[in-house]
Amino acid sequence: MDYEFDITLKNRHILSTFFDKCTLEELNKVPKGFNNNIIWNLAHVIVTQQLLVYSLSNLPMLVSDALVAKYRKGTKAEGDVTQQEVNEIKNLLFSTLEQTKADYKNGLFKTYNTYTTSTNSTMTNVEEAIAFNNFHEGIHLGYILALKRAL
């Protein structure tokens, strides 16, 4: 699993650059033709990883229920995010990944509830969830790149 975690870490380093490349206004802007903004996508990848890996393993997530409600699949940007919220999301980008790696190495993930995604990928264990999460985060990196160009 070291390879899968390394891929996630590399992608998250790329994602983290948008906190420095974008102003608060740019992070919050929903360009014409788009449904969401950069900060929504950044928070969404964190929330989705937590749902796929922790929630489906019947474990408590490392993020608040409020964050999940705001950024889970099916949500959209609802008003501007504050700098304080941006800072929280920036911190969670790496802290959640580091804790997931530690929890995996410590054997915390013992059960998994089979789940089929909207791309028709079925996950039956946490290893498949971690692998699928990399695909999902790559999709959202693409969205963020498109959003940045559209600003």
C-alpha atoms as a PDB file:
ATOM      1  CA  MET A   1       0.000   0.000   0.000  1.00  0.00           C
ATOM      2  CA  ASP A   2       3.012   2.287   0.216  1.00  0.00           C
ATOM      3  CA  TYR A   3       2.719   2.947  -3.526  1.00  0.00           C
ATOM      4  CA  GLU A   4      -0.951   3.947  -3.287  1.00  0.00           C
ATOM      5  CA  PHE A   5      -0.279   6.263  -0.353  1.00  0.00           C
ATOM      6  CA  ASP A   6       2.666   7.776  -2.216  1.00  0.00           C
ATOM      7  CA  ILE A   7       0.404   8.545  -5.202  1.00  0.00           C
ATOM      8  CA  THR A   8      -2.120  10.209  -2.888  1.00  0.00           C
ATOM      9  CA  LEU A   9       0.623  12.250  -1.227  1.00  0.00           C
ATOM     10  CA  LYS A  10       2.001  13.426  -4.586  1.00  0.00           C
ATOM     11  CA  ASN A  11      -1.458  14.434  -5.783  1.00  0.00           C
ATOM     12  CA  ARG A  12      -2.158  16.262  -2.528  1.00  0.00           C
ATOM     13  CA  HIS A  13       1.098  18.189  -2.853  1.00  0.00           C
ATOM     14  CA  ILE A  14      -0.115  19.353  -6.263  1.00  0.00           C
ATOM     15  CA  LEU A  15      -3.536  20.185  -4.815  1.00  0.00           C
ATOM     16  CA  SER A  16      -1.932  22.150  -1.980  1.00  0.00           C
ATOM     17  CA  THR A  17      -0.248  24.514  -4.448  1.00  0.00           C
ATOM     18  CA  PHE A  18      -3.651  26.046  -5.224  1.00  0.00           C
ATOM     19  CA  PHE A  19      -3.817  27.474  -1.702  1.00  0.00           C
ATOM     20  CA  ASP A  20      -0.814  29.624  -2.637  1.00  0.00           C
ATOM     21  CA  LYS A  21      -1.646  30.178  -6.324  1.00  0.00           C
ATOM     22  CA  CYS A  22      -5.142  31.496  -5.618  1.00  0.00           C
ATOM     23  CA  THR A  23      -6.534  34.379  -3.659  1.00  0.00           C
ATOM     24  CA  LEU A  24      -9.465  33.796  -1.337  1.00  0.00           C
ATOM     25  CA  GLU A  25     -11.684  35.355  -4.000  1.00  0.00           C
ATOM     26  CA  GLU A  26     -10.350  32.965  -6.668  1.00  0.00           C
ATOM     27  CA  LEU A  27     -10.806  29.932  -4.407  1.00  0.00           C
ATOM     28  CA  ASN A  28     -14.465  30.936  -3.954  1.00  0.00           C
ATOM     29  CA  LYS A  29     -15.264  31.952  -7.538  1.00  0.00           C
ATOM     30  CA  VAL A  30     -17.544  29.672  -9.563  1.00  0.00           C
ATOM     31  CA  PRO A  31     -16.675  30.477 -13.182  1.00  0.00           C
ATOM     32  CA  LYS A  32     -19.407  30.582 -15.805  1.00  0.00           C
ATOM     33  CA  GLY A  33     -20.141  27.074 -17.045  1.00  0.00           C
ATOM     34  CA  PHE A  34     -19.009  25.399 -13.815  1.00  0.00           C
ATOM     35  CA  ASN A  35     -21.026  24.098 -10.856  1.00  0.00           C
ATOM     36  CA  ASN A  36     -18.366  24.463  -8.166  1.00  0.00           C
ATOM     37  CA  ASN A  37     -15.202  26.296  -7.246  1.00  0.00           C
ATOM     38  CA  ILE A  38     -11.621  25.379  -6.374  1.00  0.00           C
ATOM     39  CA  ILE A  39     -12.106  25.305  -2.605  1.00  0.00           C
ATOM     40  CA  TRP A  40     -15.154  23.036  -2.917  1.00  0.00           C
ATOM     41  CA  ASN A  41     -13.092  20.557  -4.944  1.00  0.00           C
ATOM     42  CA  LEU A  42     -10.230  20.670  -2.436  1.00  0.00           C
ATOM     43  CA  ALA A  43     -12.554  19.986   0.485  1.00  0.00           C
ATOM     44  CA  HIS A  44     -14.518  17.400  -1.494  1.00  0.00           C
ATOM     45  CA  VAL A  45     -11.479  15.167  -2.042  1.00  0.00           C
ATOM     46  CA  ILE A  46     -10.807  15.167   1.713  1.00  0.00           C
ATOM     47  CA  VAL A  47     -14.414  14.355   2.594  1.00  0.00           C
ATOM     48  CA  THR A  48     -14.704  11.662  -0.065  1.00  0.00           C
ATOM     49  CA  GLN A  49     -11.520   9.934   1.107  1.00  0.00           C
ATOM     50  CA  GLN A  50     -12.912   9.895   4.628  1.00  0.00           C
ATOM     51  CA  LEU A  51     -16.244   8.464   3.494  1.00  0.00           C
ATOM     52  CA  LEU A  52     -14.671   5.805   1.256  1.00  0.00           C
ATOM     53  CA  VAL A  53     -11.967   4.708   3.666  1.00  0.00           C
ATOM     54  CA  TYR A  54     -13.261   5.334   7.203  1.00  0.00           C
ATOM     55  CA  SER A  55     -17.040   5.459   7.018  1.00  0.00           C
ATOM     56  CA  LEU A  56     -17.336   2.377   4.820  1.00  0.00           C
ATOM     57  CA  SER A  57     -14.963   0.607   7.235  1.00  0.00           C
ATOM     58  CA  ASN A  58     -17.339   1.447  10.116  1.00  0.00           C
ATOM     59  CA  LEU A  59     -14.746   3.743  11.708  1.00  0.00           C
ATOM     60  CA  PRO A  60     -15.107   7.346  12.895  1.00  0.00           C
ATOM     61  CA  MET A  61     -14.025   9.865  10.291  1.00  0.00           C
ATOM     62  CA  LEU A  62     -11.248  12.381  10.917  1.00  0.00           C
ATOM     63  CA  VAL A  63     -13.430  15.276   9.733  1.00  0.00           C
ATOM     64  CA  SER A  64     -16.556  16.843  11.184  1.00  0.00           C
ATOM     65  CA  ASP A  65     -20.076  15.903  10.165  1.00  0.00           C
ATOM     66  CA  ALA A  66     -20.556  19.549   9.144  1.00  0.00           C
ATOM     67  CA  LEU A  67     -17.661  19.322   6.683  1.00  0.00           C
ATOM     68  CA  VAL A  68     -19.061  16.080   5.270  1.00  0.00           C
ATOM     69  CA  ALA A  69     -22.519  17.614   4.854  1.00  0.00           C
ATOM     70  CA  LYS A  70     -21.067  20.633   3.048  1.00  0.00           C
ATOM     71  CA  TYR A  71     -18.697  18.845   0.650  1.00  0.00           C
ATOM     72  CA  ARG A  72     -19.967  15.316   0.044  1.00  0.00           C
ATOM     73  CA  LYS A  73     -21.096  14.081  -3.359  1.00  0.00           C
ATOM     74  CA  GLY A  74     -24.184  15.905  -4.548  1.00  0.00           C
ATOM     75  CA  THR A  75     -23.360  19.195  -2.841  1.00  0.00           C
ATOM     76  CA  LYS A  76     -22.236  22.437  -4.415  1.00  0.00           C
ATOM     77  CA  ALA A  77     -20.584  25.648  -3.322  1.00  0.00           C
ATOM     78  CA  GLU A  78     -23.073  27.547  -1.173  1.00  0.00           C
ATOM     79  CA  GLY A  79     -21.642  30.968  -0.401  1.00  0.00           C
ATOM     80  CA  ASP A  80     -18.079  32.038   0.170  1.00  0.00           C
ATOM     81  CA  VAL A  81     -15.671  30.141   2.391  1.00  0.00           C
ATOM     82  CA  THR A  82     -13.739  32.220   4.932  1.00  0.00           C
ATOM     83  CA  GLN A  83      -9.949  32.284   5.253  1.00  0.00           C
ATOM     84  CA  GLN A  84     -10.320  30.349   8.505  1.00  0.00           C
ATOM     85  CA  GLU A  85     -12.197  27.579   6.662  1.00  0.00           C
ATOM     86  CA  VAL A  86      -9.563  27.597   3.920  1.00  0.00           C
ATOM     87  CA  ASN A  87      -6.866  27.136   6.572  1.00  0.00           C
ATOM     88  CA  GLU A  88      -8.767  24.197   8.081  1.00  0.00           C
ATOM     89  CA  ILE A  89      -9.120  22.533   4.676  1.00  0.00           C
ATOM     90  CA  LYS A  90      -5.427  23.120   3.939  1.00  0.00           C
ATOM     91  CA  ASN A  91      -4.454  21.428   7.212  1.00  0.00           C
ATOM     92  CA  LEU A  92      -6.815  18.506   6.647  1.00  0.00           C
ATOM     93  CA  LEU A  93      -5.346  17.846   3.207  1.00  0.00           C
ATOM     94  CA  PHE A  94      -2.246  16.306   4.801  1.00  0.00           C
ATOM     95  CA  SER A  95      -3.281  15.467   8.375  1.00  0.00           C
ATOM     96  CA  THR A  96      -6.029  13.112   7.207  1.00  0.00           C
ATOM     97  CA  LEU A  97      -3.680  11.331   4.825  1.00  0.00           C
ATOM     98  CA  GLU A  98      -0.947  10.906   7.445  1.00  0.00           C
ATOM     99  CA  GLN A  99      -3.464   9.531   9.957  1.00  0.00           C
ATOM    100  CA  THR A 100      -4.923   7.170   7.355  1.00  0.00           C
ATOM    101  CA  LYS A 101      -1.444   5.804   6.614  1.00  0.00           C
ATOM    102  CA  ALA A 102      -0.795   5.284  10.338  1.00  0.00           C
ATOM    103  CA  ASP A 103      -4.190   3.683  10.907  1.00  0.00           C
ATOM    104  CA  TYR A 104      -3.679   1.350   7.946  1.00  0.00           C
ATOM    105  CA  LYS A 105      -0.210   0.296   9.124  1.00  0.00           C
ATOM    106  CA  ASN A 106      -1.638  -0.307  12.612  1.00  0.00           C
ATOM    107  CA  GLY A 107      -4.329  -2.641  11.215  1.00  0.00           C
ATOM    108  CA  LEU A 108      -7.288  -0.464  12.162  1.00  0.00           C
ATOM    109  CA  PHE A 109      -9.280  -1.319   9.009  1.00  0.00           C
ATOM    110  CA  LYS A 110     -10.805  -4.725   9.698  1.00  0.00           C
ATOM    111  CA  THR A 111     -14.179  -4.623   7.927  1.00  0.00           C
ATOM    112  CA  TYR A 112     -15.512  -2.957   4.801  1.00  0.00           C
ATOM    113  CA  ASN A 113     -19.026  -2.397   3.468  1.00  0.00           C
ATOM    114  CA  THR A 114     -19.054  -3.104  -0.260  1.00  0.00           C
ATOM    115  CA  TYR A 115     -19.820   0.047  -2.214  1.00  0.00           C
ATOM    116  CA  THR A 116     -20.370   0.757  -5.909  1.00  0.00           C
ATOM    117  CA  THR A 117     -19.508   4.259  -7.102  1.00  0.00           C
ATOM    118  CA  SER A 118     -21.229   6.365  -9.740  1.00  0.00           C
ATOM    119  CA  THR A 119     -18.464   5.259 -12.162  1.00  0.00           C
ATOM    120  CA  ASN A 120     -19.619   1.671 -11.566  1.00  0.00           C
ATOM    121  CA  SER A 121     -16.496   0.709  -9.629  1.00  0.00           C
ATOM    122  CA  THR A 122     -17.240  -1.684  -6.786  1.00  0.00           C
ATOM    123  CA  MET A 123     -14.973  -1.653  -3.746  1.00  0.00           C
ATOM    124  CA  THR A 124     -14.983  -4.645  -1.428  1.00  0.00           C
ATOM    125  CA  ASN A 125     -12.098  -3.751   0.903  1.00  0.00           C
ATOM    126  CA  VAL A 126     -10.147  -0.763   2.164  1.00  0.00           C
ATOM    127  CA  GLU A 127      -7.256  -1.380  -0.241  1.00  0.00           C
ATOM    128  CA  GLU A 128      -9.609  -1.021  -3.191  1.00  0.00           C
ATOM    129  CA  ALA A 129     -11.084   2.114  -1.602  1.00  0.00           C
ATOM    130  CA  ILE A 130      -7.633   3.682  -1.253  1.00  0.00           C
ATOM    131  CA  ALA A 131      -6.814   2.810  -4.871  1.00  0.00           C
ATOM    132  CA  PHE A 132     -10.150   4.166  -6.144  1.00  0.00           C
ATOM    133  CA  ASN A 133      -9.646   7.318  -4.100  1.00  0.00           C
ATOM    134  CA  ASN A 134      -6.527   8.095  -6.149  1.00  0.00           C
ATOM    135  CA  PHE A 135      -8.608   7.922  -9.331  1.00  0.00           C
ATOM    136  CA  HIS A 136     -11.224  10.187  -7.746  1.00  0.00           C
ATOM    137  CA  GLU A 137      -8.660  12.744  -6.576  1.00  0.00           C
ATOM    138  CA  GLY A 138      -7.119  12.793 -10.063  1.00  0.00           C
ATOM    139  CA  ILE A 139     -10.491  13.666 -11.558  1.00  0.00           C
ATOM    140  CA  HIS A 140     -10.835  16.582  -9.164  1.00  0.00           C
ATOM    141  CA  LEU A 141      -7.295  17.779  -9.859  1.00  0.00           C
ATOM    142  CA  GLY A 142      -8.415  18.013 -13.482  1.00  0.00           C
ATOM    143  CA  TYR A 143     -11.483  20.014 -12.474  1.00  0.00           C
ATOM    144  CA  ILE A 144      -9.338  22.365 -10.407  1.00  0.00           C
ATOM    145  CA  LEU A 145      -6.929  22.914 -13.313  1.00  0.00           C
ATOM    146  CA  ALA A 146      -9.882  23.751 -15.562  1.00  0.00           C
ATOM    147  CA  LEU A 147     -11.351  26.077 -12.932  1.00  0.00           C
ATOM    148  CA  LYS A 148      -8.022  27.889 -12.538  1.00  0.00           C
ATOM    149  CA  ARG A 149      -7.791  28.443 -16.309  1.00  0.00           C
ATOM    150  CA  ALA A 150     -11.362  29.743 -16.352  1.00  0.00           C
ATOM    151  CA  LEU A 151     -10.715  32.394 -13.689  1.00  0.00           C
END
